[in-house]
Amino acid sequence: MDQEVDKTMEEKLFERYYTHLLGGEILHSALFGSLPTLLRQHLKEENIPDFLANNSKQAIIYVLGKETTLRRHVKGLQTFKEKMMFCYDLYRDLGYCFRHEIVEENDEKLVVKVYACPHWEFTQKDPLACFSCMGIKMGIYKGLFGEDLRIDYFKRLALGDFYCLFNFYKPK
């Protein structure tokens, strides 16, 4: 009985922590809303995507470096596909609208199609916000699994496509 109560409490704390980390309104609105707009005042447009991706990645790595709860949840993940889906499942588990499917998997990459984006509120207004999303994925992967992740976008909802299409390249 005590184990059941403890597990329930641990799960509640896990959900609460990650709601704050990834779904916190302040973080979410800053990375996807105000930051892209603010950067336009200080950087050339062509420099903003890399700035957003790199800084989002570093922010997530920093936060993940300070916690241990999530590491217990990822210990059993072995394959690249399992690890990538964990990154996606964090958002879904927090209640964000997120619909995706794997359309290809091979020795080199995982191709994911996203039909519903958790950041749509912001990306529909400013497609540059997509690069914050890219950085968060890279940061989660690096912070939890210790490997750099390379991502290429081929289609984006924010640019009028019917879905986002990403290549996630397996770390070497």
C-alpha atoms as a PDB file:
ATOM      1  CA  MET A   1       0.000   0.000   0.000  1.00  0.00           C
ATOM      2  CA  ASP A   2       2.794   2.441   0.902  1.00  0.00           C
ATOM      3  CA  GLN A   3       4.514   1.820  -2.446  1.00  0.00           C
ATOM      4  CA  GLU A   4       1.285   2.623  -4.269  1.00  0.00           C
ATOM      5  CA  VAL A   5       0.884   5.879  -2.332  1.00  0.00           C
ATOM      6  CA  ASP A   6       4.549   6.783  -2.891  1.00  0.00           C
ATOM      7  CA  LYS A   7       4.329   6.077  -6.597  1.00  0.00           C
ATOM      8  CA  THR A   8       1.218   8.197  -6.900  1.00  0.00           C
ATOM      9  CA  MET A   9       2.914  11.036  -5.029  1.00  0.00           C
ATOM     10  CA  GLU A  10       6.042  10.686  -7.176  1.00  0.00           C
ATOM     11  CA  GLU A  11       3.953  10.797 -10.344  1.00  0.00           C
ATOM     12  CA  LYS A  12       2.116  13.888  -9.104  1.00  0.00           C
ATOM     13  CA  LEU A  13       5.403  15.623  -8.319  1.00  0.00           C
ATOM     14  CA  PHE A  14       6.795  14.565 -11.701  1.00  0.00           C
ATOM     15  CA  GLU A  15       3.786  16.012 -13.507  1.00  0.00           C
ATOM     16  CA  ARG A  16       3.864  19.201 -11.450  1.00  0.00           C
ATOM     17  CA  TYR A  17       7.575  19.724 -12.060  1.00  0.00           C
ATOM     18  CA  TYR A  18       7.320  19.201 -15.808  1.00  0.00           C
ATOM     19  CA  THR A  19       4.235  21.306 -16.110  1.00  0.00           C
ATOM     20  CA  HIS A  20       6.369  24.052 -14.584  1.00  0.00           C
ATOM     21  CA  LEU A  21       9.468  23.242 -16.682  1.00  0.00           C
ATOM     22  CA  LEU A  22       8.052  22.713 -20.141  1.00  0.00           C
ATOM     23  CA  GLY A  23       4.551  24.013 -19.907  1.00  0.00           C
ATOM     24  CA  GLY A  24       4.964  26.941 -17.598  1.00  0.00           C
ATOM     25  CA  GLU A  25       3.145  29.891 -19.052  1.00  0.00           C
ATOM     26  CA  ILE A  26       6.010  32.293 -18.378  1.00  0.00           C
ATOM     27  CA  LEU A  27       8.610  30.093 -20.095  1.00  0.00           C
ATOM     28  CA  HIS A  28       6.259  29.155 -22.895  1.00  0.00           C
ATOM     29  CA  SER A  29       5.195  32.718 -23.651  1.00  0.00           C
ATOM     30  CA  ALA A  30       8.771  34.011 -23.397  1.00  0.00           C
ATOM     31  CA  LEU A  31      10.411  31.438 -25.685  1.00  0.00           C
ATOM     32  CA  PHE A  32       7.628  31.352 -28.228  1.00  0.00           C
ATOM     33  CA  GLY A  33       5.969  34.747 -27.907  1.00  0.00           C
ATOM     34  CA  SER A  34       7.933  37.739 -26.713  1.00  0.00           C
ATOM     35  CA  LEU A  35      11.495  36.583 -27.425  1.00  0.00           C
ATOM     36  CA  PRO A  36      11.212  36.299 -31.233  1.00  0.00           C
ATOM     37  CA  THR A  37       9.571  39.739 -31.334  1.00  0.00           C
ATOM     38  CA  LEU A  38      12.181  41.279 -29.044  1.00  0.00           C
ATOM     39  CA  LEU A  39      15.074  39.790 -31.029  1.00  0.00           C
ATOM     40  CA  ARG A  40      13.894  41.528 -34.200  1.00  0.00           C
ATOM     41  CA  GLN A  41      14.785  44.801 -32.508  1.00  0.00           C
ATOM     42  CA  HIS A  42      18.376  43.706 -31.837  1.00  0.00           C
ATOM     43  CA  LEU A  43      19.437  41.102 -34.407  1.00  0.00           C
ATOM     44  CA  LYS A  44      19.355  40.679 -38.133  1.00  0.00           C
ATOM     45  CA  GLU A  45      16.452  38.453 -39.184  1.00  0.00           C
ATOM     46  CA  GLU A  46      18.779  35.771 -40.573  1.00  0.00           C
ATOM     47  CA  ASN A  47      20.534  35.421 -37.171  1.00  0.00           C
ATOM     48  CA  ILE A  48      17.367  34.920 -35.123  1.00  0.00           C
ATOM     49  CA  PRO A  49      16.685  31.211 -35.905  1.00  0.00           C
ATOM     50  CA  ASP A  50      20.095  30.045 -34.649  1.00  0.00           C
ATOM     51  CA  PHE A  51      19.899  32.361 -31.639  1.00  0.00           C
ATOM     52  CA  LEU A  52      16.469  31.005 -30.644  1.00  0.00           C
ATOM     53  CA  ALA A  53      17.452  27.365 -31.176  1.00  0.00           C
ATOM     54  CA  ASN A  54      20.774  27.612 -29.326  1.00  0.00           C
ATOM     55  CA  ASN A  55      19.452  29.608 -26.381  1.00  0.00           C
ATOM     56  CA  SER A  56      16.373  27.409 -25.958  1.00  0.00           C
ATOM     57  CA  LYS A  57      18.635  24.351 -26.054  1.00  0.00           C
ATOM     58  CA  GLN A  58      21.014  25.795 -23.440  1.00  0.00           C
ATOM     59  CA  ALA A  59      18.147  26.849 -21.153  1.00  0.00           C
ATOM     60  CA  ILE A  60      16.675  23.334 -21.159  1.00  0.00           C
ATOM     61  CA  ILE A  61      20.085  21.703 -20.636  1.00  0.00           C
ATOM     62  CA  TYR A  62      20.652  24.017 -17.661  1.00  0.00           C
ATOM     63  CA  VAL A  63      17.297  23.166 -16.080  1.00  0.00           C
ATOM     64  CA  LEU A  64      17.677  19.430 -16.699  1.00  0.00           C
ATOM     65  CA  GLY A  65      21.155  19.501 -15.178  1.00  0.00           C
ATOM     66  CA  LYS A  66      19.638  20.564 -11.867  1.00  0.00           C
ATOM     67  CA  GLU A  67      17.129  17.739 -11.488  1.00  0.00           C
ATOM     68  CA  THR A  68      17.193  13.966 -11.012  1.00  0.00           C
ATOM     69  CA  THR A  69      13.547  12.828 -11.141  1.00  0.00           C
ATOM     70  CA  LEU A  70      13.340  12.708 -14.909  1.00  0.00           C
ATOM     71  CA  ARG A  71      16.510  10.635 -15.209  1.00  0.00           C
ATOM     72  CA  ARG A  72      14.734   7.764 -13.438  1.00  0.00           C
ATOM     73  CA  HIS A  73      11.971   7.929 -16.043  1.00  0.00           C
ATOM     74  CA  VAL A  74      14.372   7.684 -18.999  1.00  0.00           C
ATOM     75  CA  LYS A  75      16.720   4.973 -17.685  1.00  0.00           C
ATOM     76  CA  GLY A  76      15.062   2.168 -19.643  1.00  0.00           C
ATOM     77  CA  LEU A  77      14.951   4.003 -22.970  1.00  0.00           C
ATOM     78  CA  GLN A  78      17.427   2.363 -25.332  1.00  0.00           C
ATOM     79  CA  THR A  79      16.593   3.102 -28.949  1.00  0.00           C
ATOM     80  CA  PHE A  80      16.772   6.433 -30.707  1.00  0.00           C
ATOM     81  CA  LYS A  81      13.058   6.158 -31.472  1.00  0.00           C
ATOM     82  CA  GLU A  82      12.168   5.592 -27.789  1.00  0.00           C
ATOM     83  CA  LYS A  83      14.261   8.579 -26.745  1.00  0.00           C
ATOM     84  CA  MET A  84      12.775  10.890 -29.372  1.00  0.00           C
ATOM     85  CA  MET A  85       9.227   9.835 -28.589  1.00  0.00           C
ATOM     86  CA  PHE A  86       9.889  10.553 -24.912  1.00  0.00           C
ATOM     87  CA  CYS A  87      10.735  14.149 -25.884  1.00  0.00           C
ATOM     88  CA  TYR A  88       7.394  14.385 -27.711  1.00  0.00           C
ATOM     89  CA  ASP A  89       5.425  12.527 -25.063  1.00  0.00           C
ATOM     90  CA  LEU A  90       6.416  15.051 -22.379  1.00  0.00           C
ATOM     91  CA  TYR A  91       4.244  17.661 -24.078  1.00  0.00           C
ATOM     92  CA  ARG A  92       1.363  15.278 -24.744  1.00  0.00           C
ATOM     93  CA  ASP A  93       1.423  14.085 -21.128  1.00  0.00           C
ATOM     94  CA  LEU A  94       1.213  17.693 -19.954  1.00  0.00           C
ATOM     95  CA  GLY A  95      -2.051  18.065 -21.842  1.00  0.00           C
ATOM     96  CA  TYR A  96      -0.848  20.036 -24.834  1.00  0.00           C
ATOM     97  CA  CYS A  97      -2.498  19.409 -28.170  1.00  0.00           C
ATOM     98  CA  PHE A  98       0.159  17.365 -29.928  1.00  0.00           C
ATOM     99  CA  ARG A  99      -0.529  14.888 -32.717  1.00  0.00           C
ATOM    100  CA  HIS A 100       2.375  13.289 -34.535  1.00  0.00           C
ATOM    101  CA  GLU A 101       3.443  10.125 -36.300  1.00  0.00           C
ATOM    102  CA  ILE A 102       6.693   8.512 -37.339  1.00  0.00           C
ATOM    103  CA  VAL A 103       6.706   8.255 -41.118  1.00  0.00           C
ATOM    104  CA  GLU A 104      10.167   6.757 -41.572  1.00  0.00           C
ATOM    105  CA  GLU A 105      12.869   5.184 -39.467  1.00  0.00           C
ATOM    106  CA  ASN A 106      16.215   3.954 -40.730  1.00  0.00           C
ATOM    107  CA  ASP A 107      19.823   3.678 -39.572  1.00  0.00           C
ATOM    108  CA  GLU A 108      20.418   7.373 -40.190  1.00  0.00           C
ATOM    109  CA  LYS A 109      17.300   9.219 -39.084  1.00  0.00           C
ATOM    110  CA  LEU A 110      13.777   9.327 -37.760  1.00  0.00           C
ATOM    111  CA  VAL A 111      11.248  11.288 -39.824  1.00  0.00           C
ATOM    112  CA  VAL A 112       8.335  12.709 -37.818  1.00  0.00           C
ATOM    113  CA  LYS A 113       5.201  14.378 -39.115  1.00  0.00           C
ATOM    114  CA  VAL A 114       3.375  16.725 -36.694  1.00  0.00           C
ATOM    115  CA  TYR A 115      -0.281  17.510 -37.354  1.00  0.00           C
ATOM    116  CA  ALA A 116      -1.051  19.492 -34.189  1.00  0.00           C
ATOM    117  CA  CYS A 117       1.611  21.648 -32.531  1.00  0.00           C
ATOM    118  CA  PRO A 118       1.635  22.570 -28.827  1.00  0.00           C
ATOM    119  CA  HIS A 119       3.099  25.963 -29.724  1.00  0.00           C
ATOM    120  CA  TRP A 120       0.572  26.839 -32.456  1.00  0.00           C
ATOM    121  CA  GLU A 121      -0.735  29.805 -30.466  1.00  0.00           C
ATOM    122  CA  PHE A 122       2.654  31.467 -31.026  1.00  0.00           C
ATOM    123  CA  THR A 123       4.012  29.947 -34.233  1.00  0.00           C
ATOM    124  CA  GLN A 124       0.945  30.919 -36.249  1.00  0.00           C
ATOM    125  CA  LYS A 125       1.691  34.552 -35.369  1.00  0.00           C
ATOM    126  CA  ASP A 126       5.458  34.309 -35.768  1.00  0.00           C
ATOM    127  CA  PRO A 127       7.042  31.338 -37.582  1.00  0.00           C
ATOM    128  CA  LEU A 128      10.423  32.178 -36.024  1.00  0.00           C
ATOM    129  CA  ALA A 129       9.049  30.689 -32.801  1.00  0.00           C
ATOM    130  CA  CYS A 130       9.478  27.255 -34.430  1.00  0.00           C
ATOM    131  CA  PHE A 131      13.201  27.559 -33.755  1.00  0.00           C
ATOM    132  CA  SER A 132      12.561  27.732 -30.012  1.00  0.00           C
ATOM    133  CA  CYS A 133      10.796  24.379 -30.402  1.00  0.00           C
ATOM    134  CA  MET A 134      13.790  22.977 -32.253  1.00  0.00           C
ATOM    135  CA  GLY A 135      16.120  24.139 -29.481  1.00  0.00           C
ATOM    136  CA  ILE A 136      13.945  22.635 -26.763  1.00  0.00           C
ATOM    137  CA  LYS A 137      14.020  19.239 -28.494  1.00  0.00           C
ATOM    138  CA  MET A 138      17.800  19.451 -28.877  1.00  0.00           C
ATOM    139  CA  GLY A 139      18.125  20.518 -25.231  1.00  0.00           C
ATOM    140  CA  ILE A 140      15.931  17.726 -23.886  1.00  0.00           C
ATOM    141  CA  TYR A 141      17.889  15.171 -25.891  1.00  0.00           C
ATOM    142  CA  LYS A 142      21.293  16.533 -24.872  1.00  0.00           C
ATOM    143  CA  GLY A 143      20.264  17.104 -21.266  1.00  0.00           C
ATOM    144  CA  LEU A 144      18.796  13.631 -20.767  1.00  0.00           C
ATOM    145  CA  PHE A 145      20.847  11.435 -23.055  1.00  0.00           C
ATOM    146  CA  GLY A 146      24.133  13.360 -23.349  1.00  0.00           C
ATOM    147  CA  GLU A 147      24.192  13.440 -27.135  1.00  0.00           C
ATOM    148  CA  ASP A 148      23.807  16.224 -29.653  1.00  0.00           C
ATOM    149  CA  LEU A 149      20.794  16.027 -31.908  1.00  0.00           C
ATOM    150  CA  ARG A 150      20.620  17.455 -35.416  1.00  0.00           C
ATOM    151  CA  ILE A 151      17.202  18.425 -36.765  1.00  0.00           C
ATOM    152  CA  ASP A 152      16.091  19.543 -40.223  1.00  0.00           C
ATOM    153  CA  TYR A 153      12.667  21.037 -40.949  1.00  0.00           C
ATOM    154  CA  PHE A 154      11.137  20.324 -44.338  1.00  0.00           C
ATOM    155  CA  LYS A 155       7.578  21.501 -43.806  1.00  0.00           C
ATOM    156  CA  ARG A 156       6.099  23.745 -41.140  1.00  0.00           C
ATOM    157  CA  LEU A 157       2.531  24.424 -40.101  1.00  0.00           C
ATOM    158  CA  ALA A 158       3.571  27.993 -39.314  1.00  0.00           C
ATOM    159  CA  LEU A 159       4.499  28.548 -42.967  1.00  0.00           C
ATOM    160  CA  GLY A 160       1.144  27.307 -44.250  1.00  0.00           C
ATOM    161  CA  ASP A 161       1.928  23.614 -44.713  1.00  0.00           C
ATOM    162  CA  PHE A 162      -0.644  21.057 -43.556  1.00  0.00           C
ATOM    163  CA  TYR A 163       1.870  19.541 -41.140  1.00  0.00           C
ATOM    164  CA  CYS A 164       5.428  19.899 -39.886  1.00  0.00           C
ATOM    165  CA  LEU A 165       7.963  17.421 -41.195  1.00  0.00           C
ATOM    166  CA  PHE A 166      11.234  16.893 -39.331  1.00  0.00           C
ATOM    167  CA  ASN A 167      14.293  14.747 -39.833  1.00  0.00           C
ATOM    168  CA  PHE A 168      15.920  13.807 -36.532  1.00  0.00           C
ATOM    169  CA  TYR A 169      19.388  12.481 -37.286  1.00  0.00           C
ATOM    170  CA  LYS A 170      20.695   9.748 -35.010  1.00  0.00           C
ATOM    171  CA  PRO A 171      23.779  10.782 -33.062  1.00  0.00           C
ATOM    172  CA  LYS A 172      26.936   9.030 -34.258  1.00  0.00           C
END
